Amino acid sequence: MGSFGFHCADCDLPMLSEGPDKHDYCFKCEEHFSTNESGGGCQSSNHLLSPNGQVYSEGRYEGYGVYGEKDAYALLAQTNIEAVREWRNDPEWEPTGDDEEDRGIGIDLAMEYRPKTHNEIKQMIFDGITITKKNIYHYARDLIKNPLRIVCDTCFTGEGQSWHSPTDTYDKCDNHSRDHSNQSWTSATDTDVGWVCQDCGGY
């Protein structure tokens, strides 16, 4: 199983398992990496927010979608029951509550797609919709009502700006958490005298 990470559902910066800590700052411009968008994100605690009010916190994300012993994709399945039922065409489906079993279903919900039926395509034509390579498929993710929302510690605690209120509940997020394939990616550079952000790296 490959490692992967997410972007914060509030500030949209990648949340990293390697790279500068959120309290580190660029030694040239002296901006903290937690607030410097050119820094490419930083390490911090990550918080998986559930629509039912639970918060699963992870102090050191290891890259496998688990936050505070809760699998993010299992939570996706467990909080989108109607979407899973519709995608699987199984009106009786219920989550098991076991992360190992529900995880695969959550991954399918986020990643799977299938060709639309002839009747669906015919309806698109009747509706005047141009058929394209993109819309000829039915994506499971379009059925999700409760997307993954994972936030970095800076946003969760409201430390980013003095005016910024904490994004500590599911309903305070404006975005879903986009995934990225390499949770150690950062545009900041580690030098002999400290981290330097991308903007300052060329000087």
Protein backbone atom coordinates (compact mmCIF):
# COMPACT_ATOMS: atom_id res chain seq x y z
CA MET A 1 0.00 0.00 0.00
CA GLY A 2 1.52 3.30 -1.09
CA SER A 3 1.62 6.33 1.13
CA PHE A 4 -0.45 9.41 0.40
CA GLY A 5 -1.56 12.61 2.05
CA PHE A 6 -4.17 15.33 1.94
CA HIS A 7 -4.50 19.06 1.59
CA CYS A 8 -6.05 20.94 4.51
CA ALA A 9 -9.80 21.44 4.04
CA ASP A 10 -9.42 25.03 5.22
CA CYS A 11 -6.13 26.57 3.98
CA ASP A 12 -5.67 23.94 1.21
CA LEU A 13 -1.93 23.52 1.87
CA PRO A 14 -0.58 19.97 1.79
CA MET A 15 -0.20 18.38 5.22
CA LEU A 16 3.20 16.75 5.33
CA SER A 17 4.92 13.92 7.15
CA GLU A 18 8.33 15.40 6.31
CA GLY A 19 9.53 18.97 5.88
CA PRO A 20 9.41 22.05 8.09
CA ASP A 21 7.38 22.01 11.28
CA LYS A 22 4.52 24.50 11.53
CA HIS A 23 6.57 26.49 14.08
CA ASP A 24 9.62 26.65 11.78
CA TYR A 25 10.12 29.78 9.75
CA CYS A 26 12.06 30.78 6.67
CA PHE A 27 15.40 32.04 7.92
CA LYS A 28 15.45 34.73 5.18
CA CYS A 29 11.97 36.29 5.18
CA GLU A 30 11.19 34.99 8.70
CA GLU A 31 7.64 33.94 7.75
CA HIS A 32 6.35 30.83 9.51
CA PHE A 33 5.74 27.95 7.15
CA SER A 34 2.28 27.49 8.65
CA THR A 35 1.19 30.82 7.14
CA ASN A 36 3.46 31.08 4.09
CA GLU A 37 1.63 29.70 1.06
CA SER A 38 4.89 29.51 -0.88
CA GLY A 39 6.27 27.15 1.74
CA GLY A 40 4.33 24.26 0.27
CA GLY A 41 2.81 23.20 3.56
CA CYS A 42 4.39 22.03 6.78
CA GLN A 43 4.35 19.27 9.35
CA SER A 44 1.79 19.54 12.11
CA SER A 45 -0.83 17.52 13.88
CA ASN A 46 -3.67 16.65 11.51
CA HIS A 47 -7.32 16.43 12.52
CA LEU A 48 -9.90 14.27 10.74
CA LEU A 49 -13.30 15.87 11.34
CA SER A 50 -16.47 13.80 11.29
CA PRO A 51 -19.92 15.23 10.44
CA ASN A 52 -21.18 13.62 13.67
CA GLY A 53 -18.89 15.87 15.72
CA GLN A 54 -16.01 13.50 16.45
CA VAL A 55 -12.43 14.63 15.92
CA TYR A 56 -9.64 12.12 15.23
CA SER A 57 -6.25 13.74 15.79
CA GLU A 58 -2.89 12.47 14.56
CA GLY A 59 0.30 14.00 15.88
CA ARG A 60 2.57 12.38 13.31
CA TYR A 61 0.84 11.33 10.09
CA GLU A 62 2.52 8.26 8.57
CA GLY A 63 0.94 8.41 5.13
CA TYR A 64 -1.69 5.66 5.22
CA GLY A 65 -4.93 7.55 5.74
CA VAL A 66 -5.19 6.86 9.49
CA TYR A 67 -5.83 9.66 11.97
CA GLY A 68 -6.11 8.90 15.67
CA GLU A 69 -6.61 5.22 14.83
CA LYS A 70 -9.51 6.08 12.49
CA ASP A 71 -9.18 5.26 8.80
CA ALA A 72 -10.30 8.25 6.74
CA TYR A 73 -11.78 6.15 3.93
CA ALA A 74 -13.66 3.94 6.40
CA LEU A 75 -15.17 7.12 7.85
CA LEU A 76 -16.09 8.24 4.32
CA ALA A 77 -18.10 5.05 3.80
CA GLN A 78 -19.61 5.15 7.29
CA THR A 79 -20.88 8.73 6.86
CA ASN A 80 -22.15 8.34 3.27
CA ILE A 81 -24.41 5.31 3.59
CA GLU A 82 -26.95 6.49 1.00
CA ALA A 83 -24.17 7.15 -1.52
CA VAL A 84 -22.75 3.65 -1.04
CA ARG A 85 -26.21 2.10 -1.38
CA GLU A 86 -26.83 3.94 -4.63
CA TRP A 87 -23.38 3.19 -6.08
CA ARG A 88 -23.55 -0.50 -5.20
CA ASN A 89 -27.25 -0.73 -6.08
CA ASP A 90 -27.79 -2.29 -2.67
CA PRO A 91 -30.52 -0.51 -0.66
CA GLU A 92 -29.83 -2.72 2.35
CA TRP A 93 -26.10 -1.97 2.69
CA GLU A 94 -24.89 -0.97 6.14
CA PRO A 95 -21.33 -0.22 7.27
CA THR A 96 -19.80 -2.90 9.46
CA GLY A 97 -18.20 -0.37 11.79
CA ASP A 98 -14.91 -2.18 11.27
CA ASP A 99 -12.38 0.10 9.60
CA GLU A 100 -10.65 -2.72 7.72
CA GLU A 101 -13.89 -3.83 6.06
CA ASP A 102 -15.35 -0.38 5.42
CA ARG A 103 -12.10 1.12 4.11
CA GLY A 104 -12.26 -0.55 0.70
CA ILE A 105 -15.81 0.67 0.18
CA GLY A 106 -14.75 4.22 1.06
CA ILE A 107 -11.88 4.05 -1.43
CA ASP A 108 -14.31 2.86 -4.13
CA LEU A 109 -16.64 5.73 -3.27
CA ALA A 110 -13.80 8.21 -3.72
CA MET A 111 -12.10 6.68 -6.77
CA GLU A 112 -14.38 4.40 -8.80
CA TYR A 113 -16.30 5.18 -11.96
CA ARG A 114 -18.23 3.24 -14.58
CA PRO A 115 -19.71 3.95 -18.01
CA LYS A 116 -23.21 5.42 -17.97
CA THR A 117 -26.02 3.22 -19.20
CA HIS A 118 -27.60 3.70 -22.63
CA ASN A 119 -30.69 5.14 -20.93
CA GLU A 120 -28.59 7.67 -19.00
CA ILE A 121 -26.79 8.75 -22.18
CA LYS A 122 -30.10 8.97 -24.05
CA GLN A 123 -31.48 11.21 -21.31
CA MET A 124 -28.40 13.44 -21.56
CA ILE A 125 -29.04 13.83 -25.29
CA PHE A 126 -32.71 14.65 -24.66
CA ASP A 127 -31.57 17.23 -22.08
CA GLY A 128 -29.29 18.85 -24.68
CA ILE A 129 -26.09 17.86 -22.89
CA THR A 130 -23.06 17.43 -25.15
CA ILE A 131 -21.54 13.99 -24.73
CA THR A 132 -17.84 14.20 -23.80
CA LYS A 133 -15.23 11.75 -22.67
CA LYS A 134 -15.54 13.11 -19.15
CA ASN A 135 -19.32 13.00 -18.73
CA ILE A 136 -19.85 9.60 -20.33
CA TYR A 137 -18.77 8.06 -17.02
CA HIS A 138 -20.66 7.95 -13.74
CA TYR A 139 -18.32 8.84 -10.86
CA ALA A 140 -19.02 7.49 -7.39
CA ARG A 141 -17.58 10.65 -5.82
CA ASP A 142 -20.48 12.66 -7.26
CA LEU A 143 -22.78 10.89 -4.81
CA ILE A 144 -20.80 11.89 -1.70
CA LYS A 145 -22.69 14.20 0.63
CA ASN A 146 -20.14 14.20 3.48
CA PRO A 147 -16.65 14.52 1.93
CA LEU A 148 -13.40 14.00 3.82
CA ARG A 149 -12.44 17.05 5.84
CA ILE A 150 -8.99 16.93 7.40
CA VAL A 151 -7.39 20.10 8.71
CA CYS A 152 -3.87 21.05 9.73
CA ASP A 153 -3.13 22.08 13.31
CA THR A 154 -2.73 25.74 12.36
CA CYS A 155 -6.30 25.94 11.06
CA PHE A 156 -7.68 23.65 13.78
CA THR A 157 -6.32 25.91 16.51
CA GLY A 158 -6.87 29.20 14.66
CA GLU A 159 -3.18 30.13 14.88
CA GLY A 160 -2.88 31.23 11.25
CA GLN A 161 -4.04 34.82 11.75
CA SER A 162 -5.27 36.80 14.71
CA TRP A 163 -8.69 37.15 13.03
CA HIS A 164 -8.93 33.48 12.12
CA SER A 165 -11.37 31.45 14.20
CA PRO A 166 -10.49 27.78 14.73
CA THR A 167 -11.72 25.32 12.11
CA ASP A 168 -12.40 22.68 14.73
CA THR A 169 -15.72 21.25 13.54
CA TYR A 170 -16.83 19.68 10.27
CA ASP A 171 -19.28 22.44 9.37
CA LYS A 172 -16.62 25.18 9.58
CA CYS A 173 -14.70 23.82 6.57
CA ASP A 174 -15.34 25.39 3.19
CA ASN A 175 -13.58 22.67 1.19
CA HIS A 176 -13.05 18.94 1.11
CA SER A 177 -9.55 17.55 1.62
CA ARG A 178 -7.94 16.98 -1.76
CA ASP A 179 -5.51 14.11 -1.82
CA HIS A 180 -1.93 14.29 -3.03
CA SER A 181 0.27 11.36 -3.87
CA ASN A 182 3.39 12.30 -1.90
CA GLN A 183 2.83 13.46 1.65
CA SER A 184 6.51 14.38 2.01
CA TRP A 185 6.43 16.93 -0.83
CA THR A 186 7.37 20.47 0.08
CA SER A 187 8.71 23.37 -1.95
CA ALA A 188 10.70 24.54 1.08
CA THR A 189 14.40 23.67 1.21
CA ASP A 190 16.36 22.42 4.21
CA THR A 191 19.74 24.17 4.35
CA ASP A 192 22.63 24.09 6.80
CA VAL A 193 21.24 27.13 8.61
CA GLY A 194 17.52 26.26 8.51
CA TRP A 195 14.52 25.96 6.26
CA VAL A 196 14.05 28.46 3.45
CA CYS A 197 10.78 28.99 1.54
CA GLN A 198 10.49 28.79 -2.22
CA ASP A 199 10.23 32.56 -2.62
CA CYS A 200 13.54 33.09 -0.82
CA GLY A 201 15.27 30.02 -2.20
CA GLY A 202 16.48 31.77 -5.33
CA TYR A 203 18.26 34.59 -3.52
